[in-house]
Amino acid sequence: MNMEVRCPNCGGPSIIRTSWTTINPARRFCCCAKRGINCGIIDWYDPPMCPRSVQVIPCLLRSMNELQRVAQQRTDQEKKMKKMLLLSWLFFIVVFTFMY
């Protein structure tokens, strides 16, 4: 596809973006490059995907997002546990020093 595609509505340059809808997952398209102006899709950059890809990609994206969410929860939990461990050691040191 020629990269010098102009927007038919405003005459501005086009930019390639990626669709993340369930109907066209990861499919690239040309649209108006001007910010704040929605001239719509000028033309598809990629050919249509096969029906199986349209079915599989959204499921994979949901699965990946869920795994990332769980990983973030585990990271947050690990940070809390490290803080609790540090506080328990500080408490132990304070108690131990006052006992002797």
PDB file of N, CA and C in Angstrom:
ATOM      1  N   MET A   1       0.841  -1.182   0.000  1.00  0.00           N
ATOM      2  CA  MET A   1       0.000   0.000   0.000  1.00  0.00           C
ATOM      3  C   MET A   1       0.882   1.240   0.000  1.00  0.00           C
ATOM      4  N   ASN A   2       0.483   2.237  -0.746  1.00  0.00           N
ATOM      5  CA  ASN A   2       1.225   3.479  -0.822  1.00  0.00           C
ATOM      6  C   ASN A   2       1.081   4.247   0.489  1.00  0.00           C
ATOM      7  N   MET A   3       2.214   4.664   1.076  1.00  0.00           N
ATOM      8  CA  MET A   3       2.189   5.357   2.363  1.00  0.00           C
ATOM      9  C   MET A   3       1.739   6.809   2.231  1.00  0.00           C
ATOM     10  N   GLU A   4       1.627   7.342   1.013  1.00  0.00           N
ATOM     11  CA  GLU A   4       1.243   8.731   0.802  1.00  0.00           C
ATOM     12  C   GLU A   4      -0.265   8.886   0.636  1.00  0.00           C
ATOM     13  N   VAL A   5      -1.039   8.070   1.307  1.00  0.00           N
ATOM     14  CA  VAL A   5      -2.495   8.157   1.227  1.00  0.00           C
ATOM     15  C   VAL A   5      -2.942   9.404   1.976  1.00  0.00           C
ATOM     16  N   ARG A   6      -3.807  10.190   1.360  1.00  0.00           N
ATOM     17  CA  ARG A   6      -4.335  11.408   1.979  1.00  0.00           C
ATOM     18  C   ARG A   6      -5.762  11.147   2.446  1.00  0.00           C
ATOM     19  N   CYS A   7      -6.137  11.831   3.508  1.00  0.00           N
ATOM     20  CA  CYS A   7      -7.503  11.718   4.027  1.00  0.00           C
ATOM     21  C   CYS A   7      -8.463  12.351   3.023  1.00  0.00           C
ATOM     22  N   PRO A   8      -9.489  11.619   2.580  1.00  0.00           N
ATOM     23  CA  PRO A   8     -10.417  12.186   1.603  1.00  0.00           C
ATOM     24  C   PRO A   8     -11.312  13.276   2.202  1.00  0.00           C
ATOM     25  N   ASN A   9     -11.482  13.300   3.522  1.00  0.00           N
ATOM     26  CA  ASN A   9     -12.358  14.290   4.151  1.00  0.00           C
ATOM     27  C   ASN A   9     -11.675  15.633   4.368  1.00  0.00           C
ATOM     28  N   CYS A  10     -10.432  15.615   4.895  1.00  0.00           N
ATOM     29  CA  CYS A  10      -9.765  16.880   5.229  1.00  0.00           C
ATOM     30  C   CYS A  10      -8.501  17.120   4.417  1.00  0.00           C
ATOM     31  N   GLY A  11      -8.054  16.140   3.642  1.00  0.00           N
ATOM     32  CA  GLY A  11      -6.856  16.298   2.825  1.00  0.00           C
ATOM     33  C   GLY A  11      -5.554  16.119   3.578  1.00  0.00           C
ATOM     34  N   GLY A  12      -5.641  15.797   4.866  1.00  0.00           N
ATOM     35  CA  GLY A  12      -4.444  15.621   5.686  1.00  0.00           C
ATOM     36  C   GLY A  12      -3.763  14.293   5.424  1.00  0.00           C
ATOM     37  N   PRO A  13      -2.564  14.124   5.983  1.00  0.00           N
ATOM     38  CA  PRO A  13      -1.842  12.863   5.812  1.00  0.00           C
ATOM     39  C   PRO A  13      -2.505  11.740   6.605  1.00  0.00           C
ATOM     40  N   SER A  14      -2.181  10.522   6.226  1.00  0.00           N
ATOM     41  CA  SER A  14      -2.742   9.370   6.942  1.00  0.00           C
ATOM     42  C   SER A  14      -1.678   8.754   7.836  1.00  0.00           C
ATOM     43  N   ILE A  15      -2.129   7.944   8.776  1.00  0.00           N
ATOM     44  CA  ILE A  15      -1.250   7.228   9.691  1.00  0.00           C
ATOM     45  C   ILE A  15      -1.781   5.802   9.816  1.00  0.00           C
ATOM     46  N   ILE A  16      -0.878   4.860  10.068  1.00  0.00           N
ATOM     47  CA  ILE A  16      -1.297   3.465  10.220  1.00  0.00           C
ATOM     48  C   ILE A  16      -1.509   3.184  11.703  1.00  0.00           C
ATOM     49  N   ARG A  17      -2.669   2.660  12.039  1.00  0.00           N
ATOM     50  CA  ARG A  17      -2.998   2.284  13.414  1.00  0.00           C
ATOM     51  C   ARG A  17      -3.427   0.823  13.433  1.00  0.00           C
ATOM     52  N   THR A  18      -3.592   0.288  14.637  1.00  0.00           N
ATOM     53  CA  THR A  18      -3.981  -1.111  14.788  1.00  0.00           C
ATOM     54  C   THR A  18      -5.329  -1.201  15.475  1.00  0.00           C
ATOM     55  N   SER A  19      -6.216  -1.968  14.895  1.00  0.00           N
ATOM     56  CA  SER A  19      -7.537  -2.207  15.470  1.00  0.00           C
ATOM     57  C   SER A  19      -7.442  -3.315  16.513  1.00  0.00           C
ATOM     58  N   TRP A  20      -8.090  -3.119  17.666  1.00  0.00           N
ATOM     59  CA  TRP A  20      -8.130  -4.163  18.696  1.00  0.00           C
ATOM     60  C   TRP A  20      -9.572  -4.560  18.990  1.00  0.00           C
ATOM     61  N   THR A  21     -10.448  -4.411  18.007  1.00  0.00           N
ATOM     62  CA  THR A  21     -11.828  -4.833  18.189  1.00  0.00           C
ATOM     63  C   THR A  21     -11.921  -6.344  18.042  1.00  0.00           C
ATOM     64  N   THR A  22     -13.019  -6.913  18.508  1.00  0.00           N
ATOM     65  CA  THR A  22     -13.186  -8.364  18.388  1.00  0.00           C
ATOM     66  C   THR A  22     -13.427  -8.779  16.936  1.00  0.00           C
ATOM     67  N   ILE A  23     -13.940  -7.883  16.128  1.00  0.00           N
ATOM     68  CA  ILE A  23     -14.196  -8.206  14.721  1.00  0.00           C
ATOM     69  C   ILE A  23     -12.911  -8.146  13.898  1.00  0.00           C
ATOM     70  N   ASN A  24     -12.031  -7.184  14.198  1.00  0.00           N
ATOM     71  CA  ASN A  24     -10.774  -7.005  13.454  1.00  0.00           C
ATOM     72  C   ASN A  24      -9.582  -6.941  14.412  1.00  0.00           C
ATOM     73  N   PRO A  25      -9.297  -8.004  15.145  1.00  0.00           N
ATOM     74  CA  PRO A  25      -8.195  -7.941  16.111  1.00  0.00           C
ATOM     75  C   PRO A  25      -6.834  -7.868  15.422  1.00  0.00           C
ATOM     76  N   ALA A  26      -6.014  -6.916  15.852  1.00  0.00           N
ATOM     77  CA  ALA A  26      -4.640  -6.744  15.366  1.00  0.00           C
ATOM     78  C   ALA A  26      -4.556  -6.445  13.869  1.00  0.00           C
ATOM     79  N   ARG A  27      -5.632  -5.937  13.305  1.00  0.00           N
ATOM     80  CA  ARG A  27      -5.622  -5.594  11.880  1.00  0.00           C
ATOM     81  C   ARG A  27      -5.283  -4.109  11.739  1.00  0.00           C
ATOM     82  N   ARG A  28      -4.319  -3.807  10.872  1.00  0.00           N
ATOM     83  CA  ARG A  28      -3.884  -2.425  10.704  1.00  0.00           C
ATOM     84  C   ARG A  28      -4.733  -1.714   9.653  1.00  0.00           C
ATOM     85  N   PHE A  29      -4.895  -0.390   9.878  1.00  0.00           N
ATOM     86  CA  PHE A  29      -5.685   0.414   8.958  1.00  0.00           C
ATOM     87  C   PHE A  29      -5.091   1.810   8.850  1.00  0.00           C
ATOM     88  N   CYS A  30      -5.405   2.499   7.758  1.00  0.00           N
ATOM     89  CA  CYS A  30      -4.992   3.887   7.565  1.00  0.00           C
ATOM     90  C   CYS A  30      -6.121   4.790   8.025  1.00  0.00           C
ATOM     91  N   CYS A  31      -5.762   5.837   8.766  1.00  0.00           N
ATOM     92  CA  CYS A  31      -6.756   6.818   9.186  1.00  0.00           C
ATOM     93  C   CYS A  31      -6.100   8.192   9.186  1.00  0.00           C
ATOM     94  N   CYS A  32      -6.897   9.216   9.393  1.00  0.00           N
ATOM     95  CA  CYS A  32      -6.404  10.588   9.402  1.00  0.00           C
ATOM     96  C   CYS A  32      -5.407  10.764  10.545  1.00  0.00           C
ATOM     97  N   ALA A  33      -4.292  11.440  10.275  1.00  0.00           N
ATOM     98  CA  ALA A  33      -3.235  11.625  11.276  1.00  0.00           C
ATOM     99  C   ALA A  33      -3.487  12.818  12.184  1.00  0.00           C
ATOM    100  N   LYS A  34      -4.463  13.667  11.857  1.00  0.00           N
ATOM    101  CA  LYS A  34      -4.719  14.856  12.673  1.00  0.00           C
ATOM    102  C   LYS A  34      -5.356  14.458  13.997  1.00  0.00           C
ATOM    103  N   ARG A  35      -4.794  14.974  15.097  1.00  0.00           N
ATOM    104  CA  ARG A  35      -5.324  14.674  16.430  1.00  0.00           C
ATOM    105  C   ARG A  35      -6.661  15.385  16.633  1.00  0.00           C
ATOM    106  N   GLY A  36      -7.568  14.694  17.290  1.00  0.00           N
ATOM    107  CA  GLY A  36      -8.863  15.284  17.614  1.00  0.00           C
ATOM    108  C   GLY A  36      -9.866  15.260  16.476  1.00  0.00           C
ATOM    109  N   ILE A  37      -9.443  14.836  15.320  1.00  0.00           N
ATOM    110  CA  ILE A  37     -10.355  14.763  14.170  1.00  0.00           C
ATOM    111  C   ILE A  37     -10.590  13.296  13.855  1.00  0.00           C
ATOM    112  N   ASN A  38     -11.851  12.897  13.790  1.00  0.00           N
ATOM    113  CA  ASN A  38     -12.177  11.511  13.481  1.00  0.00           C
ATOM    114  C   ASN A  38     -12.791  11.460  12.092  1.00  0.00           C
ATOM    115  N   CYS A  39     -11.947  11.310  11.106  1.00  0.00           N
ATOM    116  CA  CYS A  39     -12.417  11.193   9.724  1.00  0.00           C
ATOM    117  C   CYS A  39     -12.771   9.752   9.376  1.00  0.00           C
ATOM    118  N   GLY A  40     -12.525   8.835  10.305  1.00  0.00           N
ATOM    119  CA  GLY A  40     -12.829   7.433  10.065  1.00  0.00           C
ATOM    120  C   GLY A  40     -11.691   6.713   9.369  1.00  0.00           C
ATOM    121  N   ILE A  41     -11.934   5.457   9.072  1.00  0.00           N
ATOM    122  CA  ILE A  41     -10.931   4.631   8.401  1.00  0.00           C
ATOM    123  C   ILE A  41     -10.879   5.017   6.929  1.00  0.00           C
ATOM    124  N   ILE A  42      -9.671   5.254   6.439  1.00  0.00           N
ATOM    125  CA  ILE A  42      -9.495   5.566   5.023  1.00  0.00           C
ATOM    126  C   ILE A  42      -9.462   4.274   4.223  1.00  0.00           C
ATOM    127  N   ASP A  43      -8.627   3.329   4.698  1.00  0.00           N
ATOM    128  CA  ASP A  43      -8.492   2.056   3.997  1.00  0.00           C
ATOM    129  C   ASP A  43      -7.815   1.066   4.935  1.00  0.00           C
ATOM    130  N   TRP A  44      -8.076  -0.203   4.723  1.00  0.00           N
ATOM    131  CA  TRP A  44      -7.395  -1.235   5.499  1.00  0.00           C
ATOM    132  C   TRP A  44      -5.992  -1.406   4.961  1.00  0.00           C
ATOM    133  N   TYR A  45      -5.009  -1.519   5.837  1.00  0.00           N
ATOM    134  CA  TYR A  45      -3.617  -1.731   5.449  1.00  0.00           C
ATOM    135  C   TYR A  45      -3.338  -3.222   5.286  1.00  0.00           C
ATOM    136  N   ASP A  46      -3.915  -4.026   6.172  1.00  0.00           N
ATOM    137  CA  ASP A  46      -3.739  -5.481   6.133  1.00  0.00           C
ATOM    138  C   ASP A  46      -4.932  -6.133   5.449  1.00  0.00           C
ATOM    139  N   PRO A  47      -4.718  -7.276   4.802  1.00  0.00           N
ATOM    140  CA  PRO A  47      -5.857  -8.010   4.233  1.00  0.00           C
ATOM    141  C   PRO A  47      -6.721  -8.577   5.360  1.00  0.00           C
ATOM    142  N   PRO A  48      -7.963  -8.945   5.057  1.00  0.00           N
ATOM    143  CA  PRO A  48      -8.828  -9.529   6.090  1.00  0.00           C
ATOM    144  C   PRO A  48      -8.207 -10.797   6.677  1.00  0.00           C
ATOM    145  N   MET A  49      -8.482 -11.029   7.950  1.00  0.00           N
ATOM    146  CA  MET A  49      -7.957 -12.220   8.619  1.00  0.00           C
ATOM    147  C   MET A  49      -8.899 -13.389   8.379  1.00  0.00           C
ATOM    148  N   CYS A  50      -8.353 -14.589   8.491  1.00  0.00           N
ATOM    149  CA  CYS A  50      -9.192 -15.770   8.335  1.00  0.00           C
ATOM    150  C   CYS A  50     -10.137 -15.867   9.542  1.00  0.00           C
ATOM    151  N   PRO A  51     -11.299 -16.490   9.381  1.00  0.00           N
ATOM    152  CA  PRO A  51     -12.275 -16.566  10.473  1.00  0.00           C
ATOM    153  C   PRO A  51     -11.716 -17.200  11.748  1.00  0.00           C
ATOM    154  N   ARG A  52     -10.844 -18.165  11.603  1.00  0.00           N
ATOM    155  CA  ARG A  52     -10.263 -18.816  12.787  1.00  0.00           C
ATOM    156  C   ARG A  52      -9.413 -17.836  13.597  1.00  0.00           C
ATOM    157  N   SER A  53      -8.644 -17.004  12.929  1.00  0.00           N
ATOM    158  CA  SER A  53      -7.837 -15.997  13.627  1.00  0.00           C
ATOM    159  C   SER A  53      -8.724 -15.009  14.369  1.00  0.00           C
ATOM    160  N   VAL A  54      -9.824 -14.621  13.738  1.00  0.00           N
ATOM    161  CA  VAL A  54     -10.755 -13.692  14.383  1.00  0.00           C
ATOM    162  C   VAL A  54     -11.340 -14.317  15.645  1.00  0.00           C
ATOM    163  N   GLN A  55     -11.498 -15.633  15.662  1.00  0.00           N
ATOM    164  CA  GLN A  55     -11.990 -16.334  16.856  1.00  0.00           C
ATOM    165  C   GLN A  55     -10.914 -16.461  17.921  1.00  0.00           C
ATOM    166  N   VAL A  56      -9.710 -16.827  17.516  1.00  0.00           N
ATOM    167  CA  VAL A  56      -8.650 -17.186  18.462  1.00  0.00           C
ATOM    168  C   VAL A  56      -7.983 -15.969  19.101  1.00  0.00           C
ATOM    169  N   ILE A  57      -7.680 -14.937  18.335  1.00  0.00           N
ATOM    170  CA  ILE A  57      -6.907 -13.805  18.859  1.00  0.00           C
ATOM    171  C   ILE A  57      -7.581 -13.127  20.049  1.00  0.00           C
ATOM    172  N   PRO A  58      -8.887 -12.815  20.016  1.00  0.00           N
ATOM    173  CA  PRO A  58      -9.490 -12.197  21.207  1.00  0.00           C
ATOM    174  C   PRO A  58      -9.390 -13.075  22.459  1.00  0.00           C
ATOM    175  N   CYS A  59      -9.528 -14.385  22.294  1.00  0.00           N
ATOM    176  CA  CYS A  59      -9.392 -15.292  23.445  1.00  0.00           C
ATOM    177  C   CYS A  59      -7.972 -15.258  23.991  1.00  0.00           C
ATOM    178  N   LEU A  60      -6.999 -15.250  23.106  1.00  0.00           N
ATOM    179  CA  LEU A  60      -5.603 -15.179  23.541  1.00  0.00           C
ATOM    180  C   LEU A  60      -5.318 -13.851  24.244  1.00  0.00           C
ATOM    181  N   LEU A  61      -5.874 -12.762  23.727  1.00  0.00           N
ATOM    182  CA  LEU A  61      -5.678 -11.458  24.365  1.00  0.00           C
ATOM    183  C   LEU A  61      -6.296 -11.429  25.759  1.00  0.00           C
ATOM    184  N   ARG A  62      -7.504 -11.983  25.896  1.00  0.00           N
ATOM    185  CA  ARG A  62      -8.144 -12.033  27.221  1.00  0.00           C
ATOM    186  C   ARG A  62      -7.315 -12.865  28.185  1.00  0.00           C
ATOM    187  N   SER A  63      -6.818 -13.990  27.706  1.00  0.00           N
ATOM    188  CA  SER A  63      -5.994 -14.864  28.534  1.00  0.00           C
ATOM    189  C   SER A  63      -4.708 -14.157  28.957  1.00  0.00           C
ATOM    190  N   MET A  64      -4.070 -13.481  28.021  1.00  0.00           N
ATOM    191  CA  MET A  64      -2.839 -12.756  28.326  1.00  0.00           C
ATOM    192  C   MET A  64      -3.101 -11.640  29.339  1.00  0.00           C
ATOM    193  N   ASN A  65      -4.192 -10.900  29.160  1.00  0.00           N
ATOM    194  CA  ASN A  65      -4.535  -9.827  30.095  1.00  0.00           C
ATOM    195  C   ASN A  65      -4.799 -10.373  31.486  1.00  0.00           C
ATOM    196  N   GLU A  66      -5.457 -11.510  31.583  1.00  0.00           N
ATOM    197  CA  GLU A  66      -5.724 -12.131  32.883  1.00  0.00           C
ATOM    198  C   GLU A  66      -4.417 -12.555  33.550  1.00  0.00           C
ATOM    199  N   LEU A  67      -3.509 -13.139  32.784  1.00  0.00           N
ATOM    200  CA  LEU A  67      -2.214 -13.543  33.334  1.00  0.00           C
ATOM    201  C   LEU A  67      -1.409 -12.333  33.807  1.00  0.00           C
ATOM    202  N   GLN A  68      -1.463 -11.245  33.059  1.00  0.00           N
ATOM    203  CA  GLN A  68      -0.768 -10.026  33.475  1.00  0.00           C
ATOM    204  C   GLN A  68      -1.375  -9.464  34.754  1.00  0.00           C
ATOM    205  N   ARG A  69      -2.700  -9.533  34.880  1.00  0.00           N
ATOM    206  CA  ARG A  69      -3.370  -9.050  36.085  1.00  0.00           C
ATOM    207  C   ARG A  69      -2.950  -9.881  37.294  1.00  0.00           C
ATOM    208  N   VAL A  70      -2.918 -11.198  37.139  1.00  0.00           N
ATOM    209  CA  VAL A  70      -2.514 -12.089  38.233  1.00  0.00           C
ATOM    210  C   VAL A  70      -1.051 -11.844  38.602  1.00  0.00           C
ATOM    211  N   ALA A  71      -0.196 -11.661  37.606  1.00  0.00           N
ATOM    212  CA  ALA A  71       1.223 -11.393  37.879  1.00  0.00           C
ATOM    213  C   ALA A  71       1.385 -10.089  38.657  1.00  0.00           C
ATOM    214  N   GLN A  72       0.605  -9.073  38.309  1.00  0.00           N
ATOM    215  CA  GLN A  72       0.671  -7.800  39.029  1.00  0.00           C
ATOM    216  C   GLN A  72       0.192  -7.966  40.465  1.00  0.00           C
ATOM    217  N   GLN A  73      -0.866  -8.748  40.662  1.00  0.00           N
ATOM    218  CA  GLN A  73      -1.348  -9.014  42.021  1.00  0.00           C
ATOM    219  C   GLN A  73      -0.274  -9.718  42.841  1.00  0.00           C
ATOM    220  N   ARG A  74       0.400 -10.675  42.250  1.00  0.00           N
ATOM    221  CA  ARG A  74       1.463 -11.404  42.959  1.00  0.00           C
ATOM    222  C   ARG A  74       2.629 -10.480  43.296  1.00  0.00           C
ATOM    223  N   THR A  75       2.972  -9.599  42.384  1.00  0.00           N
ATOM    224  CA  THR A  75       4.047  -8.638  42.642  1.00  0.00           C
ATOM    225  C   THR A  75       3.672  -7.721  43.797  1.00  0.00           C
ATOM    226  N   ASP A  76       2.430  -7.238  43.798  1.00  0.00           N
ATOM    227  CA  ASP A  76       1.962  -6.382  44.890  1.00  0.00           C
ATOM    228  C   ASP A  76       1.978  -7.134  46.215  1.00  0.00           C
ATOM    229  N   GLN A  77       1.537  -8.381  46.182  1.00  0.00           N
ATOM    230  CA  GLN A  77       1.524  -9.200  47.392  1.00  0.00           C
ATOM    231  C   GLN A  77       2.950  -9.442  47.895  1.00  0.00           C
ATOM    232  N   GLU A  78       3.876  -9.674  46.986  1.00  0.00           N
ATOM    233  CA  GLU A  78       5.274  -9.889  47.367  1.00  0.00           C
ATOM    234  C   GLU A  78       5.846  -8.646  48.055  1.00  0.00           C
ATOM    235  N   LYS A  79       5.524  -7.464  47.529  1.00  0.00           N
ATOM    236  CA  LYS A  79       5.990  -6.221  48.153  1.00  0.00           C
ATOM    237  C   LYS A  79       5.437  -6.080  49.569  1.00  0.00           C
ATOM    238  N   LYS A  80       4.163  -6.400  49.750  1.00  0.00           N
ATOM    239  CA  LYS A  80       3.556  -6.323  51.084  1.00  0.00           C
ATOM    240  C   LYS A  80       4.231  -7.292  52.047  1.00  0.00           C
ATOM    241  N   MET A  81       4.510  -8.494  51.565  1.00  0.00           N
ATOM    242  CA  MET A  81       5.149  -9.495  52.421  1.00  0.00           C
ATOM    243  C   MET A  81       6.565  -9.065  52.811  1.00  0.00           C
ATOM    244  N   LYS A  82       7.292  -8.466  51.904  1.00  0.00           N
ATOM    245  CA  LYS A  82       8.635  -7.975  52.219  1.00  0.00           C
ATOM    246  C   LYS A  82       8.570  -6.885  53.284  1.00  0.00           C
ATOM    247  N   LYS A  83       7.585  -5.996  53.173  1.00  0.00           N
ATOM    248  CA  LYS A  83       7.420  -4.946  54.185  1.00  0.00           C
ATOM    249  C   LYS A  83       7.085  -5.556  55.540  1.00  0.00           C
ATOM    250  N   MET A  84       6.209  -6.542  55.537  1.00  0.00           N
ATOM    251  CA  MET A  84       5.839  -7.192  56.797  1.00  0.00           C
ATOM    252  C   MET A  84       7.043  -7.901  57.410  1.00  0.00           C
ATOM    253  N   LEU A  85       7.857  -8.543  56.595  1.00  0.00           N
ATOM    254  CA  LEU A  85       9.054  -9.215  57.092  1.00  0.00           C
ATOM    255  C   LEU A  85      10.023  -8.207  57.703  1.00  0.00           C
ATOM    256  N   LEU A  86      10.225  -7.100  57.029  1.00  0.00           N
ATOM    257  CA  LEU A  86      11.107  -6.055  57.543  1.00  0.00           C
ATOM    258  C   LEU A  86      10.592  -5.517  58.875  1.00  0.00           C
ATOM    259  N   LEU A  87       9.296  -5.241  58.945  1.00  0.00           N
ATOM    260  CA  LEU A  87       8.716  -4.741  60.198  1.00  0.00           C
ATOM    261  C   LEU A  87       8.831  -5.764  61.317  1.00  0.00           C
ATOM    262  N   SER A  88       8.647  -7.031  61.005  1.00  0.00           N
ATOM    263  CA  SER A  88       8.760  -8.053  62.051  1.00  0.00           C
ATOM    264  C   SER A  88      10.193  -8.146  62.570  1.00  0.00           C
ATOM    265  N   TRP A  89      11.170  -8.020  61.667  1.00  0.00           N
ATOM    266  CA  TRP A  89      12.574  -8.037  62.104  1.00  0.00           C
ATOM    267  C   TRP A  89      12.903  -6.804  62.935  1.00  0.00           C
ATOM    268  N   LEU A  90      12.389  -5.656  62.545  1.00  0.00           N
ATOM    269  CA  LEU A  90      12.607  -4.445  63.345  1.00  0.00           C
ATOM    270  C   LEU A  90      11.985  -4.594  64.729  1.00  0.00           C
ATOM    271  N   PHE A  91      10.799  -5.131  64.780  1.00  0.00           N
ATOM    272  CA  PHE A  91      10.137  -5.367  66.063  1.00  0.00           C
ATOM    273  C   PHE A  91      10.964  -6.325  66.920  1.00  0.00           C
ATOM    274  N   PHE A  92      11.460  -7.391  66.312  1.00  0.00           N
ATOM    275  CA  PHE A  92      12.289  -8.365  67.024  1.00  0.00           C
ATOM    276  C   PHE A  92      13.549  -7.700  67.578  1.00  0.00           C
ATOM    277  N   ILE A  93      14.197  -6.868  66.785  1.00  0.00           N
ATOM    278  CA  ILE A  93      15.417  -6.184  67.232  1.00  0.00           C
ATOM    279  C   ILE A  93      15.119  -5.243  68.389  1.00  0.00           C
ATOM    280  N   VAL A  94      14.023  -4.488  68.285  1.00  0.00           N
ATOM    281  CA  VAL A  94      13.652  -3.560  69.360  1.00  0.00           C
ATOM    282  C   VAL A  94      13.352  -4.326  70.636  1.00  0.00           C
ATOM    283  N   VAL A  95      12.576  -5.363  70.560  1.00  0.00           N
ATOM    284  CA  VAL A  95      12.233  -6.159  71.742  1.00  0.00           C
ATOM    285  C   VAL A  95      13.487  -6.806  72.319  1.00  0.00           C
ATOM    286  N   PHE A  96      14.327  -7.346  71.482  1.00  0.00           N
ATOM    287  CA  PHE A  96      15.547  -8.019  71.942  1.00  0.00           C
ATOM    288  C   PHE A  96      16.492  -7.041  72.644  1.00  0.00           C
ATOM    289  N   THR A  97      16.629  -5.818  72.105  1.00  0.00           N
ATOM    290  CA  THR A  97      17.530  -4.842  72.732  1.00  0.00           C
ATOM    291  C   THR A  97      17.004  -4.367  74.076  1.00  0.00           C
ATOM    292  N   PHE A  98      15.711  -4.260  74.250  1.00  0.00           N
ATOM    293  CA  PHE A  98      15.155  -3.815  75.530  1.00  0.00           C
ATOM    294  C   PHE A  98      15.126  -4.932  76.563  1.00  0.00           C
ATOM    295  N   MET A  99      15.188  -6.163  76.125  1.00  0.00           N
ATOM    296  CA  MET A  99      15.192  -7.280  77.075  1.00  0.00           C
ATOM    297  C   MET A  99      16.556  -7.418  77.739  1.00  0.00           C
ATOM    298  N   TYR A 100      17.607  -7.017  77.093  1.00  0.00           N
ATOM    299  CA  TYR A 100      18.953  -7.198  77.650  1.00  0.00           C
ATOM    300  C   TYR A 100      19.596  -5.903  77.862  1.00  0.00           C
TER     301      TYR A 100
END
